[in-house]
């Protein structure tokens, strides 16, 4: 069990998990833009653009964010 906790703490891989009414993102670098219809997030190797309506940040931590709202599309641009 200790090994699993250690792996979780040391994990720095970008992850985006899409749920029906929210998006959970971990290990991002920076939020580039924040609007109710568009959120742009920078990772170590790409830029993620989330488009929708009523998009809001519900939880914001150092490298973790939870976005609520109606998501229409997620675009990935490799830098």
PDB file of N, CA and C in Angstrom:
ATOM      1  N   UNK A   1       0.819  -1.189   0.000  1.00  0.00           N
ATOM      2  CA  UNK A   1       0.000   0.000   0.000  1.00  0.00           C
ATOM      3  C   UNK A   1       0.864   1.255   0.000  1.00  0.00           C
ATOM      4  N   UNK A   2       1.947   1.236   0.763  1.00  0.00           N
ATOM      5  CA  UNK A   2       2.841   2.383   0.802  1.00  0.00           C
ATOM      6  C   UNK A   2       3.392   2.702  -0.588  1.00  0.00           C
ATOM      7  N   UNK A   3       3.681   1.664  -1.356  1.00  0.00           N
ATOM      8  CA  UNK A   3       4.210   1.848  -2.709  1.00  0.00           C
ATOM      9  C   UNK A   3       3.189   2.561  -3.608  1.00  0.00           C
ATOM     10  N   UNK A   4       1.918   2.233  -3.495  1.00  0.00           N
ATOM     11  CA  UNK A   4       0.863   2.898  -4.283  1.00  0.00           C
ATOM     12  C   UNK A   4       0.750   4.367  -3.920  1.00  0.00           C
ATOM     13  N   UNK A   5       0.845   4.683  -2.648  1.00  0.00           N
ATOM     14  CA  UNK A   5       0.795   6.081  -2.202  1.00  0.00           C
ATOM     15  C   UNK A   5       2.003   6.829  -2.741  1.00  0.00           C
ATOM     16  N   UNK A   6       3.152   6.220  -2.690  1.00  0.00           N
ATOM     17  CA  UNK A   6       4.374   6.835  -3.195  1.00  0.00           C
ATOM     18  C   UNK A   6       4.264   7.107  -4.697  1.00  0.00           C
ATOM     19  N   UNK A   7       3.754   6.156  -5.461  1.00  0.00           N
ATOM     20  CA  UNK A   7       3.574   6.339  -6.900  1.00  0.00           C
ATOM     21  C   UNK A   7       2.593   7.473  -7.189  1.00  0.00           C
ATOM     22  N   UNK A   8       1.516   7.578  -6.414  1.00  0.00           N
ATOM     23  CA  UNK A   8       0.525   8.639  -6.588  1.00  0.00           C
ATOM     24  C   UNK A   8       1.146  10.009  -6.334  1.00  0.00           C
ATOM     25  N   UNK A   9       1.940  10.116  -5.302  1.00  0.00           N
ATOM     26  CA  UNK A   9       2.567  11.391  -4.955  1.00  0.00           C
ATOM     27  C   UNK A   9       3.583  11.805  -6.009  1.00  0.00           C
ATOM     28  N   UNK A  10       4.327  10.874  -6.542  1.00  0.00           N
ATOM     29  CA  UNK A  10       5.374  11.178  -7.515  1.00  0.00           C
ATOM     30  C   UNK A  10       4.864  11.264  -8.947  1.00  0.00           C
ATOM     31  N   UNK A  11       3.635  10.925  -9.189  1.00  0.00           N
ATOM     32  CA  UNK A  11       3.072  10.937 -10.538  1.00  0.00           C
ATOM     33  C   UNK A  11       2.917  12.381 -11.016  1.00  0.00           C
ATOM     34  N   UNK A  12       3.481  12.692 -12.178  1.00  0.00           N
ATOM     35  CA  UNK A  12       3.326  14.028 -12.726  1.00  0.00           C
ATOM     36  C   UNK A  12       2.816  14.001 -14.162  1.00  0.00           C
ATOM     37  N   UNK A  13       2.193  12.916 -14.570  1.00  0.00           N
ATOM     38  CA  UNK A  13       1.637  12.778 -15.908  1.00  0.00           C
ATOM     39  C   UNK A  13       0.307  13.527 -15.996  1.00  0.00           C
ATOM     40  N   UNK A  14       0.133  14.279 -17.084  1.00  0.00           N
ATOM     41  CA  UNK A  14      -1.109  15.003 -17.313  1.00  0.00           C
ATOM     42  C   UNK A  14      -2.256  14.017 -17.497  1.00  0.00           C
ATOM     43  N   UNK A  15      -3.404  14.334 -16.856  1.00  0.00           N
ATOM     44  CA  UNK A  15      -4.605  13.510 -17.016  1.00  0.00           C
ATOM     45  C   UNK A  15      -5.827  14.405 -17.122  1.00  0.00           C
ATOM     46  N   UNK A  16      -6.699  14.051 -18.019  1.00  0.00           N
ATOM     47  CA  UNK A  16      -7.982  14.728 -18.176  1.00  0.00           C
ATOM     48  C   UNK A  16      -9.046  13.641 -18.134  1.00  0.00           C
ATOM     49  N   UNK A  17      -9.971  13.763 -17.194  1.00  0.00           N
ATOM     50  CA  UNK A  17     -11.059  12.796 -17.066  1.00  0.00           C
ATOM     51  C   UNK A  17     -12.364  13.523 -17.321  1.00  0.00           C
ATOM     52  N   UNK A  18     -13.107  13.042 -18.302  1.00  0.00           N
ATOM     53  CA  UNK A  18     -14.378  13.662 -18.689  1.00  0.00           C
ATOM     54  C   UNK A  18     -15.530  12.877 -18.080  1.00  0.00           C
ATOM     55  N   UNK A  19     -16.356  13.579 -17.313  1.00  0.00           N
ATOM     56  CA  UNK A  19     -17.570  13.009 -16.744  1.00  0.00           C
ATOM     57  C   UNK A  19     -18.755  13.643 -17.459  1.00  0.00           C
ATOM     58  N   UNK A  20     -19.944  13.245 -17.133  1.00  0.00           N
ATOM     59  CA  UNK A  20     -21.134  13.775 -17.794  1.00  0.00           C
ATOM     60  C   UNK A  20     -21.276  15.286 -17.606  1.00  0.00           C
ATOM     61  N   UNK A  21     -20.972  15.779 -16.416  1.00  0.00           N
ATOM     62  CA  UNK A  21     -21.209  17.196 -16.133  1.00  0.00           C
ATOM     63  C   UNK A  21     -19.977  17.935 -15.624  1.00  0.00           C
ATOM     64  N   UNK A  22     -18.800  17.321 -15.784  1.00  0.00           N
ATOM     65  CA  UNK A  22     -17.589  17.968 -15.279  1.00  0.00           C
ATOM     66  C   UNK A  22     -16.343  17.363 -15.928  1.00  0.00           C
ATOM     67  N   UNK A  23     -15.248  18.101 -15.815  1.00  0.00           N
ATOM     68  CA  UNK A  23     -13.950  17.642 -16.294  1.00  0.00           C
ATOM     69  C   UNK A  23     -12.962  17.785 -15.148  1.00  0.00           C
ATOM     70  N   UNK A  24     -12.234  16.738 -14.878  1.00  0.00           N
ATOM     71  CA  UNK A  24     -11.212  16.751 -13.829  1.00  0.00           C
ATOM     72  C   UNK A  24      -9.851  16.692 -14.516  1.00  0.00           C
ATOM     73  N   UNK A  25      -8.994  17.673 -14.220  1.00  0.00           N
ATOM     74  CA  UNK A  25      -7.679  17.749 -14.838  1.00  0.00           C
ATOM     75  C   UNK A  25      -6.629  17.779 -13.737  1.00  0.00           C
ATOM     76  N   UNK A  26      -5.592  16.963 -13.907  1.00  0.00           N
ATOM     77  CA  UNK A  26      -4.471  16.996 -12.956  1.00  0.00           C
ATOM     78  C   UNK A  26      -3.161  17.132 -13.721  1.00  0.00           C
ATOM     79  N   UNK A  27      -2.186  17.705 -13.059  1.00  0.00           N
ATOM     80  CA  UNK A  27      -0.836  17.891 -13.577  1.00  0.00           C
ATOM     81  C   UNK A  27      -0.788  18.793 -14.807  1.00  0.00           C
ATOM     82  N   UNK A  28      -1.490  19.897 -14.747  1.00  0.00           N
ATOM     83  CA  UNK A  28      -1.395  20.912 -15.797  1.00  0.00           C
ATOM     84  C   UNK A  28      -0.346  21.936 -15.372  1.00  0.00           C
ATOM     85  N   UNK A  29       0.078  22.779 -16.304  1.00  0.00           N
ATOM     86  CA  UNK A  29       1.102  23.778 -16.012  1.00  0.00           C
ATOM     87  C   UNK A  29       0.481  25.130 -15.683  1.00  0.00           C
ATOM     88  N   UNK A  30      -0.488  25.566 -16.530  1.00  0.00           N
ATOM     89  CA  UNK A  30      -1.025  26.915 -16.372  1.00  0.00           C
ATOM     90  C   UNK A  30      -2.391  27.030 -17.042  1.00  0.00           C
ATOM     91  N   UNK A  31      -3.275  27.817 -16.460  1.00  0.00           N
ATOM     92  CA  UNK A  31      -4.541  28.162 -17.108  1.00  0.00           C
ATOM     93  C   UNK A  31      -4.283  29.407 -17.938  1.00  0.00           C
ATOM     94  N   UNK A  32      -4.427  29.283 -19.258  1.00  0.00           N
ATOM     95  CA  UNK A  32      -4.119  30.383 -20.164  1.00  0.00           C
ATOM     96  C   UNK A  32      -5.269  31.367 -20.303  1.00  0.00           C
ATOM     97  N   UNK A  33      -6.501  30.853 -20.376  1.00  0.00           N
ATOM     98  CA  UNK A  33      -7.666  31.733 -20.470  1.00  0.00           C
ATOM     99  C   UNK A  33      -8.845  31.073 -19.779  1.00  0.00           C
ATOM    100  N   UNK A  34      -9.702  31.920 -19.247  1.00  0.00           N
ATOM    101  CA  UNK A  34     -10.853  31.429 -18.491  1.00  0.00           C
ATOM    102  C   UNK A  34     -12.060  32.290 -18.833  1.00  0.00           C
ATOM    103  N   UNK A  35     -12.984  31.713 -19.576  1.00  0.00           N
ATOM    104  CA  UNK A  35     -14.231  32.367 -19.950  1.00  0.00           C
ATOM    105  C   UNK A  35     -15.361  31.371 -19.728  1.00  0.00           C
ATOM    106  N   UNK A  36     -16.585  31.846 -19.690  1.00  0.00           N
ATOM    107  CA  UNK A  36     -17.713  30.938 -19.448  1.00  0.00           C
ATOM    108  C   UNK A  36     -17.970  30.005 -20.624  1.00  0.00           C
ATOM    109  N   UNK A  37     -17.416  30.333 -21.812  1.00  0.00           N
ATOM    110  CA  UNK A  37     -17.628  29.481 -22.978  1.00  0.00           C
ATOM    111  C   UNK A  37     -16.344  28.855 -23.510  1.00  0.00           C
ATOM    112  N   UNK A  38     -15.195  29.194 -22.888  1.00  0.00           N
ATOM    113  CA  UNK A  38     -13.924  28.666 -23.384  1.00  0.00           C
ATOM    114  C   UNK A  38     -12.868  28.726 -22.276  1.00  0.00           C
ATOM    115  N   UNK A  39     -12.192  27.594 -22.053  1.00  0.00           N
ATOM    116  CA  UNK A  39     -11.093  27.532 -21.097  1.00  0.00           C
ATOM    117  C   UNK A  39      -9.903  26.907 -21.816  1.00  0.00           C
ATOM    118  N   UNK A  40      -8.756  27.554 -21.715  1.00  0.00           N
ATOM    119  CA  UNK A  40      -7.539  27.068 -22.344  1.00  0.00           C
ATOM    120  C   UNK A  40      -6.517  26.743 -21.254  1.00  0.00           C
ATOM    121  N   UNK A  41      -5.953  25.525 -21.328  1.00  0.00           N
ATOM    122  CA  UNK A  41      -5.040  25.043 -20.300  1.00  0.00           C
ATOM    123  C   UNK A  41      -3.761  24.542 -20.963  1.00  0.00           C
ATOM    124  N   UNK A  42      -2.628  24.922 -20.402  1.00  0.00           N
ATOM    125  CA  UNK A  42      -1.329  24.507 -20.912  1.00  0.00           C
ATOM    126  C   UNK A  42      -0.802  23.335 -20.092  1.00  0.00           C
ATOM    127  N   UNK A  43      -0.296  22.324 -20.784  1.00  0.00           N
ATOM    128  CA  UNK A  43       0.377  21.208 -20.140  1.00  0.00           C
ATOM    129  C   UNK A  43       1.854  21.284 -20.538  1.00  0.00           C
ATOM    130  N   UNK A  44       2.627  20.328 -20.151  1.00  0.00           N
ATOM    131  CA  UNK A  44       4.047  20.360 -20.495  1.00  0.00           C
ATOM    132  C   UNK A  44       4.295  20.182 -21.992  1.00  0.00           C
ATOM    133  N   UNK A  45       3.361  19.579 -22.720  1.00  0.00           N
ATOM    134  CA  UNK A  45       3.597  19.317 -24.148  1.00  0.00           C
ATOM    135  C   UNK A  45       2.447  19.719 -25.068  1.00  0.00           C
ATOM    136  N   UNK A  46       1.354  20.215 -24.508  1.00  0.00           N
ATOM    137  CA  UNK A  46       0.211  20.550 -25.355  1.00  0.00           C
ATOM    138  C   UNK A  46      -0.654  21.623 -24.717  1.00  0.00           C
ATOM    139  N   UNK A  47      -1.557  22.157 -25.535  1.00  0.00           N
ATOM    140  CA  UNK A  47      -2.544  23.131 -25.057  1.00  0.00           C
ATOM    141  C   UNK A  47      -3.920  22.492 -25.248  1.00  0.00           C
ATOM    142  N   UNK A  48      -4.729  22.522 -24.206  1.00  0.00           N
ATOM    143  CA  UNK A  48      -6.068  21.947 -24.215  1.00  0.00           C
ATOM    144  C   UNK A  48      -7.061  23.106 -24.222  1.00  0.00           C
ATOM    145  N   UNK A  49      -8.019  23.078 -25.161  1.00  0.00           N
ATOM    146  CA  UNK A  49      -9.058  24.102 -25.226  1.00  0.00           C
ATOM    147  C   UNK A  49     -10.401  23.408 -25.024  1.00  0.00           C
ATOM    148  N   UNK A  50     -11.113  23.831 -24.000  1.00  0.00           N
ATOM    149  CA  UNK A  50     -12.421  23.268 -23.669  1.00  0.00           C
ATOM    150  C   UNK A  50     -13.459  24.308 -24.047  1.00  0.00           C
ATOM    151  N   UNK A  51     -14.432  23.903 -24.865  1.00  0.00           N
ATOM    152  CA  UNK A  51     -15.495  24.811 -25.289  1.00  0.00           C
ATOM    153  C   UNK A  51     -16.826  24.285 -24.781  1.00  0.00           C
ATOM    154  N   UNK A  52     -17.687  25.203 -24.356  1.00  0.00           N
ATOM    155  CA  UNK A  52     -18.991  24.818 -23.846  1.00  0.00           C
ATOM    156  C   UNK A  52     -19.761  26.028 -23.397  1.00  0.00           C
ATOM    157  N   UNK A  53     -20.638  25.820 -22.436  1.00  0.00           N
ATOM    158  CA  UNK A  53     -21.393  26.943 -21.875  1.00  0.00           C
ATOM    159  C   UNK A  53     -21.460  26.776 -20.368  1.00  0.00           C
ATOM    160  N   UNK A  54     -21.529  27.902 -19.680  1.00  0.00           N
ATOM    161  CA  UNK A  54     -21.569  27.931 -18.219  1.00  0.00           C
ATOM    162  C   UNK A  54     -20.383  27.199 -17.594  1.00  0.00           C
ATOM    163  N   UNK A  55     -19.202  27.338 -18.196  1.00  0.00           N
ATOM    164  CA  UNK A  55     -18.002  26.691 -17.670  1.00  0.00           C
ATOM    165  C   UNK A  55     -17.493  27.481 -16.476  1.00  0.00           C
ATOM    166  N   UNK A  56     -17.262  26.795 -15.372  1.00  0.00           N
ATOM    167  CA  UNK A  56     -16.750  27.428 -14.152  1.00  0.00           C
ATOM    168  C   UNK A  56     -15.731  26.500 -13.495  1.00  0.00           C
ATOM    169  N   UNK A  57     -14.755  27.106 -12.823  1.00  0.00           N
ATOM    170  CA  UNK A  57     -13.817  26.327 -12.028  1.00  0.00           C
ATOM    171  C   UNK A  57     -14.454  26.070 -10.682  1.00  0.00           C
ATOM    172  N   UNK A  58     -14.638  24.816 -10.359  1.00  0.00           N
ATOM    173  CA  UNK A  58     -15.251  24.457  -9.090  1.00  0.00           C
ATOM    174  C   UNK A  58     -14.211  24.229  -8.013  1.00  0.00           C
ATOM    175  N   UNK A  59     -13.069  23.707  -8.418  1.00  0.00           N
ATOM    176  CA  UNK A  59     -11.976  23.450  -7.477  1.00  0.00           C
ATOM    177  C   UNK A  59     -10.678  23.780  -8.191  1.00  0.00           C
ATOM    178  N   UNK A  60      -9.837  24.531  -7.528  1.00  0.00           N
ATOM    179  CA  UNK A  60      -8.560  24.924  -8.117  1.00  0.00           C
ATOM    180  C   UNK A  60      -7.458  24.688  -7.098  1.00  0.00           C
ATOM    181  N   UNK A  61      -6.594  23.752  -7.404  1.00  0.00           N
ATOM    182  CA  UNK A  61      -5.441  23.465  -6.551  1.00  0.00           C
ATOM    183  C   UNK A  61      -4.175  23.721  -7.364  1.00  0.00           C
ATOM    184  N   UNK A  62      -3.039  23.506  -6.770  1.00  0.00           N
ATOM    185  CA  UNK A  62      -1.766  23.830  -7.423  1.00  0.00           C
ATOM    186  C   UNK A  62      -1.648  23.203  -8.817  1.00  0.00           C
ATOM    187  N   UNK A  63      -1.988  21.951  -8.965  1.00  0.00           N
ATOM    188  CA  UNK A  63      -1.902  21.302 -10.284  1.00  0.00           C
ATOM    189  C   UNK A  63      -3.131  20.437 -10.557  1.00  0.00           C
ATOM    190  N   UNK A  64      -4.257  20.855 -10.011  1.00  0.00           N
ATOM    191  CA  UNK A  64      -5.503  20.104 -10.186  1.00  0.00           C
ATOM    192  C   UNK A  64      -6.654  21.087 -10.312  1.00  0.00           C
ATOM    193  N   UNK A  65      -7.560  20.820 -11.251  1.00  0.00           N
ATOM    194  CA  UNK A  65      -8.707  21.697 -11.449  1.00  0.00           C
ATOM    195  C   UNK A  65      -9.932  20.847 -11.791  1.00  0.00           C
ATOM    196  N   UNK A  66     -11.093  21.290 -11.320  1.00  0.00           N
ATOM    197  CA  UNK A  66     -12.366  20.656 -11.641  1.00  0.00           C
ATOM    198  C   UNK A  66     -13.221  21.700 -12.329  1.00  0.00           C
ATOM    199  N   UNK A  67     -13.648  21.410 -13.548  1.00  0.00           N
ATOM    200  CA  UNK A  67     -14.439  22.337 -14.350  1.00  0.00           C
ATOM    201  C   UNK A  67     -15.856  21.792 -14.458  1.00  0.00           C
ATOM    202  N   UNK A  68     -16.824  22.637 -14.130  1.00  0.00           N
ATOM    203  CA  UNK A  68     -18.228  22.271 -14.262  1.00  0.00           C
ATOM    204  C   UNK A  68     -18.834  23.029 -15.429  1.00  0.00           C
ATOM    205  N   UNK A  69     -19.877  22.468 -16.032  1.00  0.00           N
ATOM    206  CA  UNK A  69     -20.592  23.131 -17.109  1.00  0.00           C
ATOM    207  C   UNK A  69     -20.926  22.157 -18.230  1.00  0.00           C
ATOM    208  N   UNK A  70     -21.537  22.690 -19.271  1.00  0.00           N
ATOM    209  CA  UNK A  70     -21.899  21.893 -20.444  1.00  0.00           C
ATOM    210  C   UNK A  70     -20.748  21.947 -21.444  1.00  0.00           C
ATOM    211  N   UNK A  71     -20.060  20.842 -21.624  1.00  0.00           N
ATOM    212  CA  UNK A  71     -18.908  20.775 -22.514  1.00  0.00           C
ATOM    213  C   UNK A  71     -19.373  20.351 -23.901  1.00  0.00           C
ATOM    214  N   UNK A  72     -18.970  21.150 -24.909  1.00  0.00           N
ATOM    215  CA  UNK A  72     -19.306  20.823 -26.297  1.00  0.00           C
ATOM    216  C   UNK A  72     -18.137  20.159 -27.012  1.00  0.00           C
ATOM    217  N   UNK A  73     -16.902  20.615 -26.701  1.00  0.00           N
ATOM    218  CA  UNK A  73     -15.745  20.032 -27.374  1.00  0.00           C
ATOM    219  C   UNK A  73     -14.485  20.223 -26.536  1.00  0.00           C
ATOM    220  N   UNK A  74     -13.527  19.340 -26.788  1.00  0.00           N
ATOM    221  CA  UNK A  74     -12.192  19.423 -26.196  1.00  0.00           C
ATOM    222  C   UNK A  74     -11.201  19.303 -27.343  1.00  0.00           C
ATOM    223  N   UNK A  75     -10.377  20.327 -27.519  1.00  0.00           N
ATOM    224  CA  UNK A  75      -9.395  20.327 -28.580  1.00  0.00           C
ATOM    225  C   UNK A  75      -7.993  20.240 -27.975  1.00  0.00           C
ATOM    226  N   UNK A  76      -7.110  19.511 -28.666  1.00  0.00           N
ATOM    227  CA  UNK A  76      -5.736  19.341 -28.208  1.00  0.00           C
ATOM    228  C   UNK A  76      -4.804  19.881 -29.292  1.00  0.00           C
ATOM    229  N   UNK A  77      -3.912  20.803 -28.908  1.00  0.00           N
ATOM    230  CA  UNK A  77      -2.929  21.367 -29.809  1.00  0.00           C
ATOM    231  C   UNK A  77      -1.544  21.040 -29.267  1.00  0.00           C
ATOM    232  N   UNK A  78      -0.755  20.332 -30.067  1.00  0.00           N
ATOM    233  CA  UNK A  78       0.591  19.966 -29.608  1.00  0.00           C
ATOM    234  C   UNK A  78       1.537  21.111 -29.876  1.00  0.00           C
ATOM    235  N   UNK A  79       2.287  21.462 -28.856  1.00  0.00           N
ATOM    236  CA  UNK A  79       3.217  22.605 -28.937  1.00  0.00           C
ATOM    237  C   UNK A  79       4.535  22.157 -29.513  1.00  0.00           C
TER     238      UNK A  79
END
